[in-house]
C-alpha atoms as a PDB file:
ATOM      1  CA  MET A   1       6.384   4.888 -25.413  1.00  0.00           C
ATOM      2  CA  ARG A   2       7.065   8.507 -26.404  1.00  0.00           C
ATOM      3  CA  LYS A   3       3.709   8.706 -28.194  1.00  0.00           C
ATOM      4  CA  GLY A   4       1.907   7.410 -25.098  1.00  0.00           C
ATOM      5  CA  ILE A   5       3.649   9.984 -22.900  1.00  0.00           C
ATOM      6  CA  SER A   6       2.640  12.781 -25.262  1.00  0.00           C
ATOM      7  CA  LEU A   7      -0.946  11.494 -25.370  1.00  0.00           C
ATOM      8  CA  GLY A   8      -1.043  11.281 -21.578  1.00  0.00           C
ATOM      9  CA  PHE A   9       0.086  14.890 -21.173  1.00  0.00           C
ATOM     10  CA  ARG A  10      -2.275  16.229 -23.807  1.00  0.00           C
ATOM     11  CA  THR A  11      -5.406  14.442 -22.614  1.00  0.00           C
ATOM     12  CA  TYR A  12      -4.721  15.188 -18.940  1.00  0.00           C
ATOM     13  CA  PHE A  13      -4.472  18.949 -19.442  1.00  0.00           C
ATOM     14  CA  LYS A  14      -7.447  18.762 -21.793  1.00  0.00           C
ATOM     15  CA  SER A  15      -9.496  17.168 -18.983  1.00  0.00           C
ATOM     16  CA  PHE A  16      -9.825  20.471 -17.072  1.00  0.00           C
ATOM     17  CA  SER A  17     -11.555  22.338 -19.910  1.00  0.00           C
ATOM     18  CA  PHE A  18     -13.461  19.197 -20.875  1.00  0.00           C
ATOM     19  CA  ILE A  19     -14.909  18.880 -17.358  1.00  0.00           C
ATOM     20  CA  ARG A  20     -15.833  22.560 -17.242  1.00  0.00           C
ATOM     21  CA  GLN A  21     -17.355  22.753 -20.738  1.00  0.00           C
ATOM     22  CA  ASN A  22     -19.413  19.591 -20.340  1.00  0.00           C
ATOM     23  CA  LYS A  23     -20.754  20.406 -16.863  1.00  0.00           C
ATOM     24  CA  LEU A  24     -19.013  17.582 -15.047  1.00  0.00           C
ATOM     25  CA  SER A  25     -17.636  19.800 -12.282  1.00  0.00           C
ATOM     26  CA  HIS A  26     -20.256  18.590  -9.798  1.00  0.00           C
ATOM     27  CA  PHE A  27     -18.397  15.287  -9.611  1.00  0.00           C
ATOM     28  CA  TYR A  28     -15.775  17.047  -7.483  1.00  0.00           C
ATOM     29  CA  LEU A  29     -18.354  17.161  -4.678  1.00  0.00           C
ATOM     30  CA  TYR A  30     -18.208  13.403  -4.158  1.00  0.00           C
ATOM     31  CA  PRO A  31     -14.480  13.296  -3.313  1.00  0.00           C
ATOM     32  CA  ILE A  32     -15.050  16.224  -0.931  1.00  0.00           C
ATOM     33  CA  LEU A  33     -17.782  14.323   0.927  1.00  0.00           C
ATOM     34  CA  PHE A  34     -15.629  11.218   0.987  1.00  0.00           C
ATOM     35  CA  LEU A  35     -12.652  13.196   2.248  1.00  0.00           C
ATOM     36  CA  VAL A  36     -14.578  14.725   5.151  1.00  0.00           C
ATOM     37  CA  GLY A  37     -15.897  11.370   6.322  1.00  0.00           C
ATOM     38  CA  PHE A  38     -12.592   9.597   5.729  1.00  0.00           C
ATOM     39  CA  SER A  39     -10.570  12.249   7.588  1.00  0.00           C
ATOM     40  CA  VAL A  40     -12.847  12.105  10.643  1.00  0.00           C
ATOM     41  CA  PHE A  41     -12.708   8.316  10.699  1.00  0.00           C
ATOM     42  CA  ALA A  42      -8.913   8.233  10.188  1.00  0.00           C
ATOM     43  CA  PHE A  43      -8.281  10.833  12.902  1.00  0.00           C
ATOM     44  CA  TRP A  44     -10.495   8.940  15.351  1.00  0.00           C
ATOM     45  CA  GLY A  45      -8.956   5.587  14.401  1.00  0.00           C
ATOM     46  CA  ILE A  46      -5.348   6.758  14.734  1.00  0.00           C
ATOM     47  CA  ASN A  47      -6.057   8.399  18.096  1.00  0.00           C
ATOM     48  CA  TYR A  48      -7.751   5.235  19.299  1.00  0.00           C
ATOM     49  CA  VAL A  49      -4.833   3.024  18.262  1.00  0.00           C
ATOM     50  CA  VAL A  50      -2.318   5.418  19.877  1.00  0.00           C
ATOM     51  CA  ASP A  51      -4.307   5.465  23.132  1.00  0.00           C
ATOM     52  CA  VAL A  52      -4.506   1.670  23.219  1.00  0.00           C
ATOM     53  CA  VAL A  53      -1.008   0.770  22.040  1.00  0.00           C
ATOM     54  CA  THR A  54       1.066   3.427  23.843  1.00  0.00           C
ATOM     55  CA  PRO A  55       0.429   2.063  27.374  1.00  0.00           C
ATOM     56  CA  LEU A  56       1.183  -1.455  26.144  1.00  0.00           C
ATOM     57  CA  ILE A  57       4.521  -0.338  24.713  1.00  0.00           C
ATOM     58  CA  ASN A  58       5.358   1.617  27.859  1.00  0.00           C
ATOM     59  CA  ASP A  59       4.548  -1.401  30.029  1.00  0.00           C
ATOM     60  CA  LEU A  60       6.615  -3.627  27.787  1.00  0.00           C
ATOM     61  CA  LEU A  61       9.576  -1.234  28.019  1.00  0.00           C
ATOM     62  CA  GLY A  62       9.075  -0.676  31.731  1.00  0.00           C
ATOM     63  CA  VAL A  63       8.424   3.041  31.359  1.00  0.00           C
ATOM     64  CA  GLU A  64       6.882   4.143  34.676  1.00  0.00           C
ATOM     65  CA  SER A  65       7.263   6.882  37.258  1.00  0.00           C
ATOM     66  CA  VAL A  66      10.321   6.696  39.539  1.00  0.00           C
ATOM     67  CA  PRO A  67       9.530   6.906  43.276  1.00  0.00           C
ATOM     68  CA  GLY A  68      11.380   9.360  45.515  1.00  0.00           C
ATOM     69  CA  ASP A  69      11.752  13.101  46.000  1.00  0.00           C
ATOM     70  CA  GLY A  70      15.478  13.439  45.300  1.00  0.00           C
ATOM     71  CA  TRP A  71      16.716  15.458  42.347  1.00  0.00           C
ATOM     72  CA  TRP A  72      17.983  12.296  40.614  1.00  0.00           C
ATOM     73  CA  GLN A  73      14.680  10.504  41.044  1.00  0.00           C
ATOM     74  CA  LYS A  74      12.817  13.578  39.775  1.00  0.00           C
ATOM     75  CA  THR A  75      15.125  13.803  36.762  1.00  0.00           C
ATOM     76  CA  LEU A  76      14.576  10.133  35.933  1.00  0.00           C
ATOM     77  CA  SER A  77      10.833  10.575  36.365  1.00  0.00           C
ATOM     78  CA  VAL A  78      10.834  13.523  33.932  1.00  0.00           C
ATOM     79  CA  LEU A  79      12.906  11.532  31.425  1.00  0.00           C
ATOM     80  CA  LYS A  80      10.521   8.624  31.646  1.00  0.00           C
ATOM     81  CA  ASP A  81       7.559  10.959  31.185  1.00  0.00           C
ATOM     82  CA  VAL A  82       9.295  12.287  28.081  1.00  0.00           C
ATOM     83  CA  GLY A  83       9.754   8.674  26.966  1.00  0.00           C
ATOM     84  CA  ARG A  84       6.021   8.090  27.232  1.00  0.00           C
ATOM     85  CA  TYR A  85       5.250  11.152  25.127  1.00  0.00           C
ATOM     86  CA  LEU A  86       7.927  10.233  22.589  1.00  0.00           C
ATOM     87  CA  THR A  87       6.491   6.725  22.282  1.00  0.00           C
ATOM     88  CA  ALA A  88       3.070   8.194  21.529  1.00  0.00           C
ATOM     89  CA  ALA A  89       4.570  10.716  19.085  1.00  0.00           C
ATOM     90  CA  VAL A  90       6.584   8.082  17.192  1.00  0.00           C
ATOM     91  CA  LEU A  91       3.561   5.795  17.042  1.00  0.00           C
ATOM     92  CA  TRP A  92       1.401   8.679  15.776  1.00  0.00           C
ATOM     93  CA  VAL A  93       3.901   9.621  13.055  1.00  0.00           C
ATOM     94  CA  SER A  94       4.295   5.965  12.025  1.00  0.00           C
ATOM     95  CA  LEU A  95       0.533   5.507  11.713  1.00  0.00           C
ATOM     96  CA  ILE A  96       0.214   8.742   9.716  1.00  0.00           C
ATOM     97  CA  TYR A  97       2.945   7.469   7.358  1.00  0.00           C
ATOM     98  CA  ILE A  98       1.181   4.114   6.917  1.00  0.00           C
ATOM     99  CA  PHE A  99      -2.105   5.949   6.403  1.00  0.00           C
ATOM    100  CA  HIS A 100      -0.516   8.098   3.698  1.00  0.00           C
ATOM    101  CA  LYS A 101       0.914   5.042   1.933  1.00  0.00           C
ATOM    102  CA  ILE A 102      -2.366   3.141   1.793  1.00  0.00           C
ATOM    103  CA  SER A 103      -4.707   6.133   1.466  1.00  0.00           C
ATOM    104  CA  LYS A 104      -4.262   6.271  -2.299  1.00  0.00           C
ATOM    105  CA  TYR A 105      -5.659   2.749  -2.630  1.00  0.00           C
ATOM    106  CA  ILE A 106      -8.452   3.523  -0.194  1.00  0.00           C
ATOM    107  CA  ILE A 107      -9.264   6.468  -2.466  1.00  0.00           C
ATOM    108  CA  LEU A 108      -9.272   4.225  -5.546  1.00  0.00           C
ATOM    109  CA  ILE A 109     -11.524   1.676  -3.820  1.00  0.00           C
ATOM    110  CA  PHE A 110     -14.092   4.008  -2.250  1.00  0.00           C
ATOM    111  CA  LEU A 111     -14.230   6.470  -5.116  1.00  0.00           C
ATOM    112  CA  SER A 112     -14.407   3.775  -7.798  1.00  0.00           C
ATOM    113  CA  PRO A 113     -18.206   4.269  -8.280  1.00  0.00           C
ATOM    114  CA  VAL A 114     -17.656   7.989  -8.919  1.00  0.00           C
ATOM    115  CA  MET A 115     -14.678   7.404 -11.187  1.00  0.00           C
ATOM    116  CA  SER A 116     -16.618   4.781 -13.128  1.00  0.00           C
ATOM    117  CA  VAL A 117     -19.562   7.140 -13.736  1.00  0.00           C
ATOM    118  CA  VAL A 118     -17.233  10.027 -14.655  1.00  0.00           C
ATOM    119  CA  SER A 119     -15.522   7.785 -17.203  1.00  0.00           C
ATOM    120  CA  GLU A 120     -18.903   6.841 -18.677  1.00  0.00           C
ATOM    121  CA  LYS A 121     -20.027  10.458 -18.933  1.00  0.00           C
ATOM    122  CA  ALA A 122     -16.780  11.484 -20.629  1.00  0.00           C
ATOM    123  CA  GLU A 123     -17.162   8.691 -23.175  1.00  0.00           C
ATOM    124  CA  GLU A 124     -20.776   9.662 -23.842  1.00  0.00           C
ATOM    125  CA  VAL A 125     -19.713  13.232 -24.628  1.00  0.00           C
ATOM    126  CA  VAL A 126     -16.983  12.137 -27.050  1.00  0.00           C
ATOM    127  CA  THR A 127     -18.815   9.319 -28.848  1.00  0.00           C
ATOM    128  CA  GLY A 128     -22.388  10.570 -28.569  1.00  0.00           C
ATOM    129  CA  ASN A 129     -23.428   7.069 -27.554  1.00  0.00           C
ATOM    130  CA  ARG A 130     -25.531   7.107 -24.392  1.00  0.00           C
ATOM    131  CA  ILE A 131     -24.540   4.380 -21.962  1.00  0.00           C
ATOM    132  CA  PRO A 132     -27.649   3.234 -20.047  1.00  0.00           C
ATOM    133  CA  PHE A 133     -27.208   3.383 -16.277  1.00  0.00           C
ATOM    134  CA  SER A 134     -27.344   0.027 -14.522  1.00  0.00           C
ATOM    135  CA  TYR A 135     -26.885  -0.611 -10.814  1.00  0.00           C
ATOM    136  CA  ARG A 136     -25.738  -4.124 -11.668  1.00  0.00           C
ATOM    137  CA  GLN A 137     -23.067  -2.785 -14.017  1.00  0.00           C
ATOM    138  CA  LEU A 138     -22.079  -0.166 -11.447  1.00  0.00           C
ATOM    139  CA  MET A 139     -21.622  -2.862  -8.805  1.00  0.00           C
ATOM    140  CA  ARG A 140     -19.533  -4.899 -11.231  1.00  0.00           C
ATOM    141  CA  ASP A 141     -17.399  -1.821 -11.872  1.00  0.00           C
ATOM    142  CA  VAL A 142     -17.011  -1.202  -8.130  1.00  0.00           C
ATOM    143  CA  ILE A 143     -16.102  -4.814  -7.357  1.00  0.00           C
ATOM    144  CA  ARG A 144     -13.660  -4.998 -10.244  1.00  0.00           C
ATOM    145  CA  GLY A 145     -12.131  -1.612  -9.359  1.00  0.00           C
ATOM    146  CA  SER A 146     -11.706  -2.682  -5.736  1.00  0.00           C
ATOM    147  CA  ILE A 147     -10.146  -6.026  -6.627  1.00  0.00           C
ATOM    148  CA  LEU A 148      -7.850  -4.368  -9.135  1.00  0.00           C
ATOM    149  CA  ALA A 149      -6.795  -1.720  -6.582  1.00  0.00           C
ATOM    150  CA  LEU A 150      -6.026  -4.428  -4.012  1.00  0.00           C
ATOM    151  CA  ARG A 151      -4.105  -6.432  -6.619  1.00  0.00           C
ATOM    152  CA  ASN A 152      -2.056  -3.407  -7.625  1.00  0.00           C
ATOM    153  CA  MET A 153      -1.464  -2.478  -3.972  1.00  0.00           C
ATOM    154  CA  VAL A 154      -0.039  -5.934  -3.208  1.00  0.00           C
ATOM    155  CA  ILE A 155       2.208  -5.868  -6.273  1.00  0.00           C
ATOM    156  CA  GLU A 156       3.388  -2.329  -5.538  1.00  0.00           C
ATOM    157  CA  LEU A 157       4.072  -3.141  -1.877  1.00  0.00           C
ATOM    158  CA  LEU A 158       6.084  -6.219  -2.872  1.00  0.00           C
ATOM    159  CA  ILE A 159       8.160  -4.154  -5.296  1.00  0.00           C
ATOM    160  CA  THR A 160       8.553  -1.483  -2.616  1.00  0.00           C
ATOM    161  CA  PHE A 161       9.756  -3.967   0.023  1.00  0.00           C
ATOM    162  CA  VAL A 162      12.226  -5.528  -2.425  1.00  0.00           C
ATOM    163  CA  LEU A 163      13.690  -2.177  -3.493  1.00  0.00           C
ATOM    164  CA  LEU A 164      13.812  -0.790   0.053  1.00  0.00           C
ATOM    165  CA  GLY A 165      15.417  -4.036   1.239  1.00  0.00           C
ATOM    166  CA  LEU A 166      18.000  -3.786  -1.523  1.00  0.00           C
ATOM    167  CA  ASN A 167      18.687  -0.183  -0.594  1.00  0.00           C
ATOM    168  CA  LEU A 168      19.095  -1.209   3.056  1.00  0.00           C
ATOM    169  CA  VAL A 169      21.645  -3.857   2.079  1.00  0.00           C
ATOM    170  CA  ILE A 170      23.542  -1.243   0.051  1.00  0.00           C
ATOM    171  CA  THR A 171      23.410   1.129   3.020  1.00  0.00           C
ATOM    172  CA  ILE A 172      24.840  -1.507   5.362  1.00  0.00           C
ATOM    173  CA  PHE A 173      27.539  -2.963   3.169  1.00  0.00           C
ATOM    174  CA  LEU A 174      28.228  -0.234   0.582  1.00  0.00           C
ATOM    175  CA  SER A 175      27.302   2.914   2.475  1.00  0.00           C
ATOM    176  CA  PRO A 176      29.025   5.379   0.081  1.00  0.00           C
ATOM    177  CA  LEU A 177      26.645   4.219  -2.667  1.00  0.00           C
ATOM    178  CA  THR A 178      23.612   5.136  -0.557  1.00  0.00           C
ATOM    179  CA  PHE A 179      23.738   8.692  -1.899  1.00  0.00           C
ATOM    180  CA  ILE A 180      23.154   7.237  -5.370  1.00  0.00           C
ATOM    181  CA  SER A 181      20.902   4.265  -4.585  1.00  0.00           C
ATOM    182  CA  THR A 182      18.392   6.147  -2.421  1.00  0.00           C
ATOM    183  CA  PRO A 183      17.397   8.746  -5.056  1.00  0.00           C
ATOM    184  CA  VAL A 184      17.320   6.046  -7.746  1.00  0.00           C
ATOM    185  CA  VAL A 185      15.050   3.814  -5.651  1.00  0.00           C
ATOM    186  CA  SER A 186      12.793   6.790  -4.844  1.00  0.00           C
ATOM    187  CA  VAL A 187      12.398   7.637  -8.535  1.00  0.00           C
ATOM    188  CA  ILE A 188      11.678   4.017  -9.448  1.00  0.00           C
ATOM    189  CA  LEU A 189       9.062   3.723  -6.696  1.00  0.00           C
ATOM    190  CA  PHE A 190       7.386   6.922  -7.886  1.00  0.00           C
ATOM    191  CA  PHE A 191       7.006   5.591 -11.431  1.00  0.00           C
ATOM    192  CA  VAL A 192       5.866   2.177 -10.185  1.00  0.00           C
ATOM    193  CA  SER A 193       3.153   3.917  -8.163  1.00  0.00           C
ATOM    194  CA  ALA A 194       2.254   6.119 -11.145  1.00  0.00           C
ATOM    195  CA  TYR A 195       1.951   3.074 -13.408  1.00  0.00           C
ATOM    196  CA  TYR A 196      -0.611   1.426 -11.141  1.00  0.00           C
ATOM    197  CA  PHE A 197      -2.555   4.685 -10.724  1.00  0.00           C
ATOM    198  CA  GLY A 198      -2.762   4.952 -14.501  1.00  0.00           C
ATOM    199  CA  PHE A 199      -3.724   1.300 -14.699  1.00  0.00           C
ATOM    200  CA  SER A 200      -6.746   1.927 -12.458  1.00  0.00           C
ATOM    201  CA  THR A 201      -7.982   4.996 -14.353  1.00  0.00           C
ATOM    202  CA  LEU A 202      -7.680   3.265 -17.736  1.00  0.00           C
ATOM    203  CA  ASP A 203      -9.411   0.091 -16.591  1.00  0.00           C
ATOM    204  CA  TYR A 204     -12.863   1.686 -16.355  1.00  0.00           C
ATOM    205  CA  ALA A 205     -13.030   1.916 -20.148  1.00  0.00           C
ATOM    206  CA  SER A 206     -11.768  -1.667 -20.446  1.00  0.00           C
ATOM    207  CA  GLU A 207     -14.475  -2.862 -18.082  1.00  0.00           C
ATOM    208  CA  ARG A 208     -17.213  -1.242 -20.211  1.00  0.00           C
ATOM    209  CA  ARG A 209     -15.891  -3.213 -23.166  1.00  0.00           C
ATOM    210  CA  LYS A 210     -16.189  -6.445 -21.156  1.00  0.00           C
ATOM    211  CA  LYS A 211     -12.444  -6.978 -21.214  1.00  0.00           C
ATOM    212  CA  THR A 212     -11.044  -9.356 -18.645  1.00  0.00           C
ATOM    213  CA  VAL A 213      -8.418  -8.204 -16.169  1.00  0.00           C
ATOM    214  CA  ALA A 214      -5.816 -10.082 -18.224  1.00  0.00           C
ATOM    215  CA  GLN A 215      -6.890  -8.193 -21.355  1.00  0.00           C
ATOM    216  CA  SER A 216      -6.787  -4.913 -19.432  1.00  0.00           C
ATOM    217  CA  VAL A 217      -3.285  -5.761 -18.210  1.00  0.00           C
ATOM    218  CA  SER A 218      -2.279  -6.402 -21.822  1.00  0.00           C
ATOM    219  CA  PHE A 219      -3.728  -3.059 -22.957  1.00  0.00           C
ATOM    220  CA  VAL A 220      -1.919  -1.136 -20.229  1.00  0.00           C
ATOM    221  CA  SER A 221       1.329  -3.011 -20.930  1.00  0.00           C
ATOM    222  CA  GLN A 222       1.081  -1.920 -24.557  1.00  0.00           C
ATOM    223  CA  ASN A 223       0.494   1.668 -23.449  1.00  0.00           C
ATOM    224  CA  LYS A 224       2.922   1.997 -20.543  1.00  0.00           C
ATOM    225  CA  GLY A 225       3.836   5.576 -21.411  1.00  0.00           C
ATOM    226  CA  LEU A 226       0.197   6.622 -21.270  1.00  0.00           C
ATOM    227  CA  ALA A 227      -0.417   4.803 -17.964  1.00  0.00           C
ATOM    228  CA  VAL A 228       2.705   6.225 -16.304  1.00  0.00           C
ATOM    229  CA  THR A 229       2.025   9.769 -17.487  1.00  0.00           C
ATOM    230  CA  ASN A 230      -1.609   9.805 -16.388  1.00  0.00           C
ATOM    231  CA  GLY A 231      -0.723   8.130 -13.093  1.00  0.00           C
ATOM    232  CA  SER A 232       2.158  10.550 -12.508  1.00  0.00           C
ATOM    233  CA  PHE A 233      -0.299  13.448 -12.355  1.00  0.00           C
ATOM    234  CA  PHE A 234      -2.372  11.436  -9.874  1.00  0.00           C
ATOM    235  CA  ALA A 235       0.701  10.790  -7.733  1.00  0.00           C
ATOM    236  CA  LEU A 236       1.954  14.381  -7.975  1.00  0.00           C
ATOM    237  CA  TRP A 237      -1.358  15.757  -6.721  1.00  0.00           C
ATOM    238  CA  LEU A 238      -1.106  13.508  -3.650  1.00  0.00           C
ATOM    239  CA  MET A 239       2.521  14.562  -3.065  1.00  0.00           C
ATOM    240  CA  ILE A 240       1.707  18.246  -2.549  1.00  0.00           C
ATOM    241  CA  PRO A 241       3.186  19.032   0.906  1.00  0.00           C
ATOM    242  CA  VAL A 242       0.605  18.932   3.725  1.00  0.00           C
ATOM    243  CA  LEU A 243      -2.414  19.630   1.503  1.00  0.00           C
ATOM    244  CA  GLY A 244      -1.756  16.849  -1.006  1.00  0.00           C
ATOM    245  CA  THR A 245      -3.946  14.315   0.731  1.00  0.00           C
ATOM    246  CA  TYR A 246      -6.806  16.826   0.672  1.00  0.00           C
ATOM    247  CA  ILE A 247      -6.495  18.765  -2.580  1.00  0.00           C
ATOM    248  CA  GLY A 248      -5.160  15.737  -4.427  1.00  0.00           C
ATOM    249  CA  THR A 249      -8.001  13.512  -3.227  1.00  0.00           C
ATOM    250  CA  VAL A 250     -10.549  15.978  -4.634  1.00  0.00           C
ATOM    251  CA  VAL A 251      -8.882  16.846  -7.948  1.00  0.00           C
ATOM    252  CA  ALA A 252      -6.847  13.815  -9.019  1.00  0.00           C
ATOM    253  CA  PRO A 253      -9.503  11.057  -9.265  1.00  0.00           C
ATOM    254  CA  ILE A 254     -11.801  13.144 -11.475  1.00  0.00           C
ATOM    255  CA  THR A 255      -9.245  14.807 -13.765  1.00  0.00           C
ATOM    256  CA  CYS A 256      -7.109  11.692 -14.192  1.00  0.00           C
ATOM    257  CA  THR A 257     -10.116   9.484 -14.938  1.00  0.00           C
ATOM    258  CA  VAL A 258     -11.411  11.917 -17.573  1.00  0.00           C
ATOM    259  CA  GLY A 259      -7.909  12.254 -19.055  1.00  0.00           C
ATOM    260  CA  ALA A 260      -7.474   8.472 -19.134  1.00  0.00           C
ATOM    261  CA  THR A 261     -10.856   7.996 -20.827  1.00  0.00           C
ATOM    262  CA  LEU A 262     -10.096  10.578 -23.507  1.00  0.00           C
ATOM    263  CA  ALA A 263      -6.737   8.918 -24.147  1.00  0.00           C
ATOM    264  CA  TYR A 264      -8.277   5.427 -24.217  1.00  0.00           C
ATOM    265  CA  LEU A 265     -10.773   6.494 -26.870  1.00  0.00           C
ATOM    266  CA  GLU A 266      -8.000   7.951 -29.030  1.00  0.00           C
ATOM    267  CA  VAL A 267      -5.943   4.758 -28.761  1.00  0.00           C
ATOM    268  CA  GLU A 268      -9.024   2.665 -29.568  1.00  0.00           C
ATOM    269  CA  GLN A 269      -9.854   4.828 -32.593  1.00  0.00           C
ATOM    270  CA  GLU A 270      -6.322   4.464 -33.890  1.00  0.00           C
ATOM    271  CA  ILE A 271      -6.424   0.685 -33.462  1.00  0.00           C
ATOM    272  CA  ASN A 272      -9.755   0.403 -35.267  1.00  0.00           C
ATOM    273  CA  SER A 273      -8.860   2.746 -38.134  1.00  0.00           C
END
């Protein structure tokens, strides 16, 4: 475990100079293009949902203008107007939160072709073995990466719901312990998320070796420290306040994939030696 953590740190920080020295920096352009398109679509989609759902919620709650010109009627009317705006605001914030939670898996799915090619190029540089480009292989990588991301998302969400549910029970029945349980649950959820990030970045090398998902799961399980460390950097980039979704989306997929590939090759060399 300790060795995997050390390897994860070393290869991740090595990825920056590796990318620069081997002229792989142009791969950062693809996340930027994705981010622009994704942000426009997300902004439009969230606004659309808010515009559609807010009136439905207001109708359901009976939020409407109060007739009359008296001061009481005017006060109630203002309060109900505030209620309409608050409904929209709460819905907007909730959708942004949901978007933030699932955006990392959307990133992994839509950027999987780029991450797959980056992983190949990094391996070519290290081994000197040219990997012939194949659209069929690329599509297999994309499909596998997407399925794996969806699988990991479901597992992570299940773990999240269980831990948050447990924390809610503690809050209700053992409220003094909430000050301990909440930070503990938050830390656990961070490392769970990091593990599955690392899983995704390491799997590209497994796919090139024709390993099944079960074999990839076994490899990652044997190198948990490496997966968690590499994935932690991915998660930390996305956690940067306000700009994390933007800067992290551009930097993390490329650097973490290169770092994971370099680490994978070292582990493989050690196994084979």
